[in-house]
C-alpha atoms as a PDB file:
ATOM      1  CA  UNK A   1      86.875  82.727 106.825  1.00  0.00           C
ATOM      2  CA  UNK A   2      90.712  84.591 107.196  1.00  0.00           C
ATOM      3  CA  UNK A   3      92.085  86.853 109.725  1.00  0.00           C
ATOM      4  CA  UNK A   4      94.698  89.411 108.716  1.00  0.00           C
ATOM      5  CA  UNK A   5      96.686  91.381 111.895  1.00  0.00           C
ATOM      6  CA  UNK A   6      98.987  93.760 111.983  1.00  0.00           C
ATOM      7  CA  UNK A   7     102.318  92.579 112.882  1.00  0.00           C
ATOM      8  CA  UNK A   8     102.975  94.911 116.182  1.00  0.00           C
ATOM      9  CA  UNK A   9     105.827  92.730 118.926  1.00  0.00           C
ATOM     10  CA  UNK A  10     108.886  90.272 118.890  1.00  0.00           C
ATOM     11  CA  UNK A  11     105.913  87.065 119.497  1.00  0.00           C
ATOM     12  CA  UNK A  12     104.651  88.557 115.763  1.00  0.00           C
ATOM     13  CA  UNK A  13     107.703  89.314 115.041  1.00  0.00           C
ATOM     14  CA  UNK A  14     109.246  85.771 115.493  1.00  0.00           C
ATOM     15  CA  UNK A  15     106.126  84.483 114.089  1.00  0.00           C
ATOM     16  CA  UNK A  16     107.220  85.984 110.132  1.00  0.00           C
ATOM     17  CA  UNK A  17     110.469  84.784 111.133  1.00  0.00           C
ATOM     18  CA  UNK A  18     108.959  81.109 111.309  1.00  0.00           C
ATOM     19  CA  UNK A  19     106.963  81.380 108.798  1.00  0.00           C
ATOM     20  CA  UNK A  20     109.468  82.784 106.107  1.00  0.00           C
ATOM     21  CA  UNK A  21     111.936  80.008 106.974  1.00  0.00           C
ATOM     22  CA  UNK A  22     109.433  77.844 106.214  1.00  0.00           C
ATOM     23  CA  UNK A  23     108.256  78.976 103.307  1.00  0.00           C
ATOM     24  CA  UNK A  24     111.602  80.819 101.733  1.00  0.00           C
ATOM     25  CA  UNK A  25     113.849  78.188 102.150  1.00  0.00           C
ATOM     26  CA  UNK A  26     110.810  75.501 100.259  1.00  0.00           C
ATOM     27  CA  UNK A  27     110.075  77.857  98.169  1.00  0.00           C
ATOM     28  CA  UNK A  28     112.754  79.509  97.094  1.00  0.00           C
ATOM     29  CA  UNK A  29     115.738  77.202  97.392  1.00  0.00           C
ATOM     30  CA  UNK A  30     114.783  75.769  92.870  1.00  0.00           C
ATOM     31  CA  UNK A  31     114.406  79.812  92.109  1.00  0.00           C
ATOM     32  CA  UNK A  32     118.243  81.202  93.935  1.00  0.00           C
ATOM     33  CA  UNK A  33     119.661  78.129  95.908  1.00  0.00           C
ATOM     34  CA  UNK A  34     120.184  78.398  99.224  1.00  0.00           C
ATOM     35  CA  UNK A  35     122.921  80.788 100.311  1.00  0.00           C
ATOM     36  CA  UNK A  36     120.923  83.844  98.364  1.00  0.00           C
ATOM     37  CA  UNK A  37     118.122  81.959 100.510  1.00  0.00           C
ATOM     38  CA  UNK A  38     120.283  82.156 104.188  1.00  0.00           C
ATOM     39  CA  UNK A  39     121.724  85.268 103.214  1.00  0.00           C
ATOM     40  CA  UNK A  40     118.196  87.159 101.738  1.00  0.00           C
ATOM     41  CA  UNK A  41     116.649  85.843 105.011  1.00  0.00           C
ATOM     42  CA  UNK A  42     119.580  87.496 107.450  1.00  0.00           C
ATOM     43  CA  UNK A  43     119.128  91.143 105.417  1.00  0.00           C
ATOM     44  CA  UNK A  44     115.265  90.203 105.089  1.00  0.00           C
ATOM     45  CA  UNK A  45     113.540  89.091 106.998  1.00  0.00           C
ATOM     46  CA  UNK A  46     114.879  89.159 110.641  1.00  0.00           C
ATOM     47  CA  UNK A  47     114.020  89.952 113.293  1.00  0.00           C
ATOM     48  CA  UNK A  48     115.622  93.051 113.615  1.00  0.00           C
ATOM     49  CA  UNK A  49     115.390  93.363 110.243  1.00  0.00           C
ATOM     50  CA  UNK A  50     111.431  93.537 110.787  1.00  0.00           C
ATOM     51  CA  UNK A  51     111.890  95.787 113.387  1.00  0.00           C
ATOM     52  CA  UNK A  52     114.209  98.488 110.918  1.00  0.00           C
ATOM     53  CA  UNK A  53     111.479  98.520 108.004  1.00  0.00           C
ATOM     54  CA  UNK A  54     108.630  98.560 110.814  1.00  0.00           C
ATOM     55  CA  UNK A  55     110.188 101.657 111.504  1.00  0.00           C
ATOM     56  CA  UNK A  56     110.605 103.033 108.081  1.00  0.00           C
ATOM     57  CA  UNK A  57     107.269 103.249 107.814  1.00  0.00           C
ATOM     58  CA  UNK A  58     107.034  99.055 106.578  1.00  0.00           C
ATOM     59  CA  UNK A  59     103.241  97.502 107.371  1.00  0.00           C
ATOM     60  CA  UNK A  60     103.561  94.023 107.831  1.00  0.00           C
ATOM     61  CA  UNK A  61     100.012  91.379 108.826  1.00  0.00           C
ATOM     62  CA  UNK A  62     100.024  88.193 109.831  1.00  0.00           C
ATOM     63  CA  UNK A  63      97.269  85.635 107.471  1.00  0.00           C
ATOM     64  CA  UNK A  64      95.895  83.580 110.098  1.00  0.00           C
ATOM     65  CA  UNK A  65      93.510  81.339 108.726  1.00  0.00           C
ATOM     66  CA  UNK A  66      91.582  78.750 111.990  1.00  0.00           C
ATOM     67  CA  UNK A  67      93.721  80.610 113.880  1.00  0.00           C
ATOM     68  CA  UNK A  68      97.045  79.684 112.525  1.00  0.00           C
ATOM     69  CA  UNK A  69      99.417  81.641 111.319  1.00  0.00           C
ATOM     70  CA  UNK A  70     100.225  81.100 107.455  1.00  0.00           C
ATOM     71  CA  UNK A  71     101.466  83.213 106.137  1.00  0.00           C
ATOM     72  CA  UNK A  72     101.934  87.244 105.865  1.00  0.00           C
ATOM     73  CA  UNK A  73     102.407  90.886 102.949  1.00  0.00           C
ATOM     74  CA  UNK A  74     104.461  94.032 104.338  1.00  0.00           C
ATOM     75  CA  UNK A  75     103.644  97.434 102.191  1.00  0.00           C
ATOM     76  CA  UNK A  76     105.477 100.866 102.021  1.00  0.00           C
ATOM     77  CA  UNK A  77     103.750 104.388 100.799  1.00  0.00           C
ATOM     78  CA  UNK A  78     105.058 105.538  97.681  1.00  0.00           C
ATOM     79  CA  UNK A  79     104.359 108.787  96.634  1.00  0.00           C
ATOM     80  CA  UNK A  80     101.648 107.751  94.193  1.00  0.00           C
ATOM     81  CA  UNK A  81     101.679 103.521  95.071  1.00  0.00           C
ATOM     82  CA  UNK A  82     101.533 101.200  97.105  1.00  0.00           C
ATOM     83  CA  UNK A  83     104.837  99.073  97.518  1.00  0.00           C
ATOM     84  CA  UNK A  84     104.282  95.453  97.947  1.00  0.00           C
ATOM     85  CA  UNK A  85     107.480  94.141  98.908  1.00  0.00           C
ATOM     86  CA  UNK A  86     105.291  91.077 101.014  1.00  0.00           C
ATOM     87  CA  UNK A  87     103.527  88.416 100.215  1.00  0.00           C
ATOM     88  CA  UNK A  88     103.132  85.741 101.224  1.00  0.00           C
ATOM     89  CA  UNK A  89     101.505  81.801 102.017  1.00  0.00           C
ATOM     90  CA  UNK A  90     102.393  78.096 103.353  1.00  0.00           C
ATOM     91  CA  UNK A  91     102.904  75.738 100.444  1.00  0.00           C
ATOM     92  CA  UNK A  92     100.333  73.989 101.677  1.00  0.00           C
ATOM     93  CA  UNK A  93      97.399  76.593 102.368  1.00  0.00           C
ATOM     94  CA  UNK A  94      97.686  78.213  98.390  1.00  0.00           C
ATOM     95  CA  UNK A  95      94.883  77.717  96.233  1.00  0.00           C
ATOM     96  CA  UNK A  96      92.391  79.052  99.313  1.00  0.00           C
ATOM     97  CA  UNK A  97      91.863  82.197  98.650  1.00  0.00           C
ATOM     98  CA  UNK A  98      94.400  83.511 100.970  1.00  0.00           C
ATOM     99  CA  UNK A  99      96.627  85.723  99.185  1.00  0.00           C
ATOM    100  CA  UNK A 100      93.254  87.219  97.245  1.00  0.00           C
ATOM    101  CA  UNK A 101      92.393  88.431 100.557  1.00  0.00           C
ATOM    102  CA  UNK A 102      95.866  89.620 101.528  1.00  0.00           C
ATOM    103  CA  UNK A 103      95.594  91.317  98.487  1.00  0.00           C
ATOM    104  CA  UNK A 104      91.732  92.566  98.833  1.00  0.00           C
ATOM    105  CA  UNK A 105      92.956  94.092 102.253  1.00  0.00           C
ATOM    106  CA  UNK A 106      95.696  96.211 100.170  1.00  0.00           C
ATOM    107  CA  UNK A 107      93.175  97.394  97.573  1.00  0.00           C
ATOM    108  CA  UNK A 108      91.301  98.452 100.348  1.00  0.00           C
ATOM    109  CA  UNK A 109      94.666 100.600 102.281  1.00  0.00           C
ATOM    110  CA  UNK A 110      95.213 101.956  98.886  1.00  0.00           C
ATOM    111  CA  UNK A 111      91.746 103.302  98.989  1.00  0.00           C
ATOM    112  CA  UNK A 112      91.637 104.696 102.366  1.00  0.00           C
ATOM    113  CA  UNK A 113      95.152 106.819 101.129  1.00  0.00           C
ATOM    114  CA  UNK A 114      93.284 107.823  97.896  1.00  0.00           C
ATOM    115  CA  UNK A 115      96.321 105.984  95.216  1.00  0.00           C
ATOM    116  CA  UNK A 116      95.960 104.222  92.511  1.00  0.00           C
ATOM    117  CA  UNK A 117      97.688 101.771  92.270  1.00  0.00           C
ATOM    118  CA  UNK A 118      99.883  98.401  93.659  1.00  0.00           C
ATOM    119  CA  UNK A 119     103.525  98.286  92.564  1.00  0.00           C
ATOM    120  CA  UNK A 120     105.896  95.051  93.523  1.00  0.00           C
ATOM    121  CA  UNK A 121     108.397  93.104  92.237  1.00  0.00           C
ATOM    122  CA  UNK A 122     109.274  89.291  91.993  1.00  0.00           C
ATOM    123  CA  UNK A 123     111.180  87.100  91.102  1.00  0.00           C
ATOM    124  CA  UNK A 124     111.696  86.534  86.386  1.00  0.00           C
ATOM    125  CA  UNK A 125     111.873  83.413  87.584  1.00  0.00           C
ATOM    126  CA  UNK A 126     109.795  81.967  89.648  1.00  0.00           C
ATOM    127  CA  UNK A 127     106.222  80.850  87.784  1.00  0.00           C
ATOM    128  CA  UNK A 128     103.971  80.643  89.797  1.00  0.00           C
ATOM    129  CA  UNK A 129     103.432  83.825  91.643  1.00  0.00           C
ATOM    130  CA  UNK A 130     103.607  85.820  88.044  1.00  0.00           C
ATOM    131  CA  UNK A 131     100.911  83.317  86.980  1.00  0.00           C
ATOM    132  CA  UNK A 132      98.568  84.105  89.948  1.00  0.00           C
ATOM    133  CA  UNK A 133     100.090  88.241  90.404  1.00  0.00           C
ATOM    134  CA  UNK A 134      98.999  87.999  86.812  1.00  0.00           C
ATOM    135  CA  UNK A 135      95.141  86.654  87.316  1.00  0.00           C
ATOM    136  CA  UNK A 136      95.164  89.049  90.108  1.00  0.00           C
ATOM    137  CA  UNK A 137      94.773  92.033  87.881  1.00  0.00           C
ATOM    138  CA  UNK A 138      98.708  93.047  87.125  1.00  0.00           C
ATOM    139  CA  UNK A 139     101.020  93.766  84.231  1.00  0.00           C
ATOM    140  CA  UNK A 140     104.425  93.383  83.830  1.00  0.00           C
ATOM    141  CA  UNK A 141     105.931  97.271  83.194  1.00  0.00           C
ATOM    142  CA  UNK A 142     109.758  95.610  82.977  1.00  0.00           C
ATOM    143  CA  UNK A 143     112.516  94.348  84.513  1.00  0.00           C
ATOM    144  CA  UNK A 144     114.907  95.686  87.323  1.00  0.00           C
ATOM    145  CA  UNK A 145     117.890  93.760  88.691  1.00  0.00           C
ATOM    146  CA  UNK A 146     119.148  95.118  92.374  1.00  0.00           C
ATOM    147  CA  UNK A 147     122.054  94.105  94.352  1.00  0.00           C
ATOM    148  CA  UNK A 148     121.376  92.551  97.565  1.00  0.00           C
ATOM    149  CA  UNK A 149     125.271  92.417  99.006  1.00  0.00           C
ATOM    150  CA  UNK A 150     127.241  89.655  98.850  1.00  0.00           C
ATOM    151  CA  UNK A 151     127.429  89.246  95.016  1.00  0.00           C
ATOM    152  CA  UNK A 152     123.732  88.585  94.802  1.00  0.00           C
ATOM    153  CA  UNK A 153     121.446  90.236  92.963  1.00  0.00           C
ATOM    154  CA  UNK A 154     117.888  90.451  92.531  1.00  0.00           C
ATOM    155  CA  UNK A 155     117.102  89.772  89.059  1.00  0.00           C
ATOM    156  CA  UNK A 156     112.841  90.857  88.988  1.00  0.00           C
ATOM    157  CA  UNK A 157     109.937  91.785  86.864  1.00  0.00           C
ATOM    158  CA  UNK A 158     107.794  94.686  88.856  1.00  0.00           C
ATOM    159  CA  UNK A 159     104.522  94.227  88.099  1.00  0.00           C
ATOM    160  CA  UNK A 160     101.623  97.076  88.519  1.00  0.00           C
ATOM    161  CA  UNK A 161      97.770  96.716  89.130  1.00  0.00           C
ATOM    162  CA  UNK A 162      95.541  99.749  89.072  1.00  0.00           C
ATOM    163  CA  UNK A 163      92.706 100.058  91.460  1.00  0.00           C
ATOM    164  CA  UNK A 164      89.721 102.445  90.436  1.00  0.00           C
END
């Protein structure tokens, strides 16, 4: 049984930062390289970055399995959709339905907000994540390249899932 708890305080922010460092270096080094991973972690997953995102309305949640944090996710409300900006699970815990539990929670939020779809971006070379999202009903609706500064870009597919 997974527990999903909102990120509310410095201890929670630090838990997210710790999970992000563990997950991102392992998962993204082969895809985008250690330097870009370090840059993105500082820019998007530091305590200050998380505090700023929360102030701007981004909702962060921790995924707890057997009383231990094993992942996290974050989303924000757009005009007609929820943008799922983060969904990360420790590699040792993947395949246990944790990501699916997070997505079910997000779909419930979608319905509460009377929205119809979830959008996300995923690196074009992150094949395992693309496959997982497609298995959960997302479809590829296009590609986007975003300049994130310091000479780096995010070269992503845009995926979408409509929920009735």
